Amino acid sequence: MKRLLAGAAALATAFVLAACSGGGAAAGGPNAGGGAVAAGAGGGAPTTSSATPTPTPTTSSATPTPTTSKAAPTTTTKPKPKPKPAPAANPGVPCAAAAAAPGTAACVDISAHQAWLLQGGKVVYGPVKMLPGRKGYPTPTGTFHVLSKEKMHLSKEFDNAEMPNSVFFYPGDAFHTGSLSVYSHGCIHLSPAASLKFFNTLHVGDVVQVVP
């Protein structure tokens, strides 16, 4: 009986020594998990929660368009030159028919005592002073054409009176050199220079318009 008790006591002592001997057997045994828990509880490495989402950088799918302060270059187109209008008669010329004539023409304003030469409706000479017919011998008014020209015409009606640079536009009536202080007998008196210009410029058939 004493042997049995002694054997039991020895076995119990051996078991206690094995359980407290530093954990060699315990590290590989069923209590290994407990050692791990003890280590965590004693302030080991902190645990992280897998539930915390990792921030994902967000990028905009739209690509920003670069802006520049420079305006797009503009090109200016020069306007096409307008065609030149047909020459018009001087506003001071009262002769519409003479202004409408395509070639050379003469205009006479009896009341203003002025005369002009025109070319294609444009004034090319004048106004120059003129004197028309006196009372009882009026200069005819209207639109006529040059009938003839004589460098020196002698008037048979008035004792062969000289009429230099005569340009006849009506039977018996012409532009010619004459007094600018004495009225004529129906002709148009011009200065020597003006009568020469009319003689050299006008041609047979050209328009002559005389307005009152």
Protein backbone atom coordinates (compact mmCIF):
# COMPACT_ATOMS: atom_id res chain seq x y z
CA MET A 1 0.00 0.00 0.00
CA LYS A 2 2.84 2.32 0.84
CA ARG A 3 4.37 1.51 -2.55
CA LEU A 4 1.20 2.43 -4.37
CA LEU A 5 0.95 5.72 -2.55
CA ALA A 6 4.57 6.49 -3.17
CA GLY A 7 4.20 5.67 -6.87
CA ALA A 8 1.17 7.88 -7.20
CA ALA A 9 2.92 10.70 -5.48
CA ALA A 10 5.90 10.39 -7.75
CA LEU A 11 3.69 10.40 -10.84
CA ALA A 12 1.86 13.49 -9.68
CA THR A 13 5.11 15.25 -9.01
CA ALA A 14 6.42 14.38 -12.47
CA PHE A 15 3.26 15.73 -14.09
CA VAL A 16 3.49 19.02 -12.21
CA LEU A 17 7.14 19.43 -13.18
CA ALA A 18 6.32 18.74 -16.82
CA ALA A 19 3.53 21.32 -16.91
CA CYS A 20 5.70 24.12 -15.43
CA SER A 21 9.01 23.35 -17.06
CA GLY A 22 9.09 26.40 -19.46
CA GLY A 23 6.53 25.38 -22.08
CA GLY A 24 8.70 23.25 -24.36
CA ALA A 25 6.00 20.69 -24.64
CA ALA A 26 3.30 23.32 -24.26
CA ALA A 27 4.57 25.29 -27.27
CA GLY A 28 3.81 22.38 -29.49
CA GLY A 29 0.77 21.22 -27.63
CA PRO A 30 -2.79 22.20 -27.33
CA ASN A 31 -1.88 25.24 -25.17
CA ALA A 32 0.19 26.88 -27.93
CA GLY A 33 -2.75 29.01 -28.88
CA GLY A 34 -2.97 30.26 -25.37
CA GLY A 35 0.62 31.47 -25.56
CA ALA A 36 -0.19 33.47 -28.68
CA VAL A 37 -3.15 35.06 -26.99
CA ALA A 38 -1.00 35.90 -23.99
CA ALA A 39 1.53 37.58 -26.18
CA GLY A 40 -1.15 39.73 -27.85
CA ALA A 41 -2.64 40.63 -24.56
CA GLY A 42 0.75 41.67 -23.27
CA GLY A 43 1.14 44.52 -25.86
CA GLY A 44 2.44 42.78 -28.99
CA ALA A 45 1.93 44.07 -32.56
CA PRO A 46 -1.40 46.00 -32.93
CA THR A 47 -4.07 44.41 -35.00
CA THR A 48 -5.62 46.33 -37.95
CA SER A 49 -9.21 46.07 -38.98
CA SER A 50 -9.74 44.74 -42.49
CA ALA A 51 -13.02 46.72 -42.63
CA THR A 52 -11.20 50.07 -43.04
CA PRO A 53 -11.39 50.92 -46.81
CA THR A 54 -8.23 51.90 -48.56
CA PRO A 55 -8.77 55.39 -50.08
CA THR A 56 -8.75 55.21 -53.86
CA PRO A 57 -7.68 58.38 -55.68
CA THR A 58 -10.42 59.65 -57.94
CA THR A 59 -9.60 61.03 -61.35
CA SER A 60 -11.88 62.95 -63.64
CA SER A 61 -12.54 61.20 -66.91
CA ALA A 62 -12.90 64.54 -68.71
CA THR A 63 -9.62 65.87 -70.05
CA PRO A 64 -9.34 69.61 -69.30
CA THR A 65 -9.10 71.72 -72.40
CA PRO A 66 -6.25 74.20 -72.24
CA THR A 67 -7.37 77.77 -72.71
CA THR A 68 -5.27 80.45 -74.31
CA SER A 69 -5.76 84.17 -74.13
CA LYS A 70 -4.80 84.73 -77.76
CA ALA A 71 -7.72 85.25 -80.09
CA ALA A 72 -7.82 83.33 -83.32
CA PRO A 73 -6.17 85.40 -86.06
CA THR A 74 -8.61 87.10 -88.37
CA THR A 75 -7.95 87.83 -91.98
CA THR A 76 -9.32 90.95 -93.58
CA THR A 77 -10.34 90.89 -97.19
CA LYS A 78 -9.90 94.12 -99.07
CA PRO A 79 -13.15 95.21 -100.66
CA LYS A 80 -13.16 95.10 -104.40
CA PRO A 81 -12.91 98.55 -105.90
CA LYS A 82 -16.23 99.77 -107.13
CA PRO A 83 -16.46 100.57 -110.79
CA LYS A 84 -16.10 104.24 -111.49
CA PRO A 85 -19.42 105.84 -112.30
CA ALA A 86 -19.89 107.45 -115.65
CA PRO A 87 -18.87 111.10 -115.58
CA ALA A 88 -21.76 113.37 -114.76
CA ALA A 89 -22.30 116.92 -115.77
CA ASN A 90 -21.23 119.65 -113.39
CA PRO A 91 -24.16 120.47 -111.09
CA GLY A 92 -23.88 124.08 -112.26
CA VAL A 93 -24.49 123.10 -115.88
CA PRO A 94 -28.19 123.44 -116.71
CA CYS A 95 -28.05 121.50 -119.98
CA ALA A 96 -29.38 117.95 -119.53
CA ALA A 97 -29.24 117.12 -123.24
CA ALA A 98 -25.66 118.31 -123.60
CA ALA A 99 -24.68 116.36 -120.48
CA ALA A 100 -26.27 113.21 -121.90
CA ALA A 101 -24.42 113.51 -125.21
CA PRO A 102 -21.82 110.75 -125.64
CA GLY A 103 -19.29 113.00 -127.37
CA THR A 104 -18.40 116.69 -127.37
CA ALA A 105 -21.17 119.16 -126.63
CA ALA A 106 -21.74 122.81 -125.79
CA CYS A 107 -24.01 124.35 -123.17
CA VAL A 108 -25.18 127.97 -123.11
CA ASP A 109 -27.06 129.66 -120.28
CA ILE A 110 -28.45 132.92 -121.65
CA SER A 111 -29.68 134.39 -118.36
CA ALA A 112 -26.37 133.66 -116.62
CA HIS A 113 -24.29 134.79 -119.65
CA GLN A 114 -22.17 131.63 -119.39
CA ALA A 115 -21.09 128.85 -121.73
CA TRP A 116 -19.34 125.45 -121.30
CA LEU A 117 -17.83 122.66 -123.32
CA LEU A 118 -18.50 119.08 -122.25
CA GLN A 119 -17.03 115.72 -123.16
CA GLY A 120 -19.07 112.62 -122.37
CA GLY A 121 -21.17 114.61 -119.90
CA LYS A 122 -18.18 116.03 -118.06
CA VAL A 123 -17.24 119.69 -118.15
CA VAL A 124 -13.89 120.14 -119.88
CA TYR A 125 -13.98 123.91 -120.36
CA GLY A 126 -15.86 126.76 -118.76
CA PRO A 127 -17.82 128.46 -117.65
CA VAL A 128 -16.78 131.39 -119.80
CA LYS A 129 -18.54 134.69 -120.28
CA MET A 130 -20.75 135.15 -123.34
CA LEU A 131 -23.30 137.67 -124.64
CA PRO A 132 -26.43 136.56 -126.54
CA GLY A 133 -28.64 138.42 -129.01
CA ARG A 134 -30.11 141.77 -128.19
CA LYS A 135 -33.78 142.63 -127.92
CA GLY A 136 -35.47 142.00 -131.25
CA TYR A 137 -32.67 139.56 -132.25
CA PRO A 138 -32.89 136.82 -129.59
CA THR A 139 -30.61 133.84 -129.62
CA PRO A 140 -32.72 130.70 -130.27
CA THR A 141 -33.13 128.30 -127.34
CA GLY A 142 -33.37 124.54 -127.53
CA THR A 143 -31.15 121.60 -128.49
CA PHE A 144 -29.29 121.86 -131.79
CA HIS A 145 -26.28 120.39 -133.59
CA VAL A 146 -23.22 122.01 -135.14
CA LEU A 147 -24.03 122.73 -138.80
CA SER A 148 -20.73 124.12 -140.08
CA LYS A 149 -17.48 125.87 -139.10
CA GLU A 150 -15.64 128.81 -140.68
CA LYS A 151 -12.36 130.20 -139.48
CA MET A 152 -13.35 133.66 -140.72
CA HIS A 153 -16.94 134.22 -141.70
CA LEU A 154 -18.05 137.53 -143.29
CA SER A 155 -21.61 138.50 -142.46
CA LYS A 156 -23.36 139.68 -145.63
CA GLU A 157 -26.30 140.93 -143.57
CA PHE A 158 -24.12 143.38 -141.67
CA ASP A 159 -21.75 144.81 -144.26
CA ASN A 160 -19.40 141.83 -144.33
CA ALA A 161 -18.73 142.09 -140.62
CA GLU A 162 -15.97 139.72 -139.59
CA MET A 163 -16.91 136.74 -137.43
CA PRO A 164 -13.70 134.91 -136.46
CA ASN A 165 -13.89 131.28 -135.29
CA SER A 166 -17.51 130.84 -136.36
CA VAL A 167 -19.27 127.60 -135.29
CA PHE A 168 -22.84 127.61 -136.67
CA PHE A 169 -25.47 125.68 -134.71
CA TYR A 170 -28.57 127.41 -136.18
CA PRO A 171 -29.06 129.03 -139.59
CA GLY A 172 -27.46 132.51 -139.30
CA ASP A 173 -26.40 132.05 -135.65
CA ALA A 174 -22.99 130.91 -134.43
CA PHE A 175 -20.39 131.03 -131.67
CA HIS A 176 -17.75 133.53 -132.71
CA THR A 177 -15.37 136.18 -131.46
CA GLY A 178 -17.36 139.26 -130.50
CA SER A 179 -17.81 142.08 -128.03
CA LEU A 180 -18.56 141.12 -124.42
CA SER A 181 -20.11 144.52 -123.79
CA VAL A 182 -22.35 144.83 -126.88
CA TYR A 183 -25.12 142.32 -127.52
CA SER A 184 -25.24 140.48 -130.85
CA HIS A 185 -27.90 140.05 -133.51
CA GLY A 186 -28.60 136.47 -132.39
CA CYS A 187 -25.10 134.95 -132.34
CA ILE A 188 -23.16 134.09 -129.18
CA HIS A 189 -20.24 136.42 -128.58
CA LEU A 190 -17.16 134.91 -126.95
CA SER A 191 -13.72 136.24 -126.12
CA PRO A 192 -10.99 135.52 -128.71
CA ALA A 193 -9.53 132.73 -126.51
CA ALA A 194 -12.91 131.17 -125.77
CA SER A 195 -14.08 131.32 -129.40
CA LEU A 196 -10.86 129.61 -130.52
CA LYS A 197 -11.40 126.86 -127.92
CA PHE A 198 -14.98 126.31 -129.10
CA PHE A 199 -13.86 126.31 -132.75
CA ASN A 200 -11.12 123.73 -132.15
CA THR A 201 -13.21 121.49 -129.85
CA LEU A 202 -16.62 121.28 -131.52
CA HIS A 203 -17.24 119.22 -134.64
CA VAL A 204 -20.08 119.09 -137.14
CA GLY A 205 -22.93 117.09 -135.60
CA ASP A 206 -22.03 117.82 -131.95
CA VAL A 207 -24.87 118.77 -129.58
CA VAL A 208 -25.38 122.44 -128.70
CA GLN A 209 -27.97 123.19 -126.05
CA VAL A 210 -29.10 126.74 -125.28
CA VAL A 211 -31.29 127.36 -122.24
CA PRO A 212 -33.06 130.63 -121.39
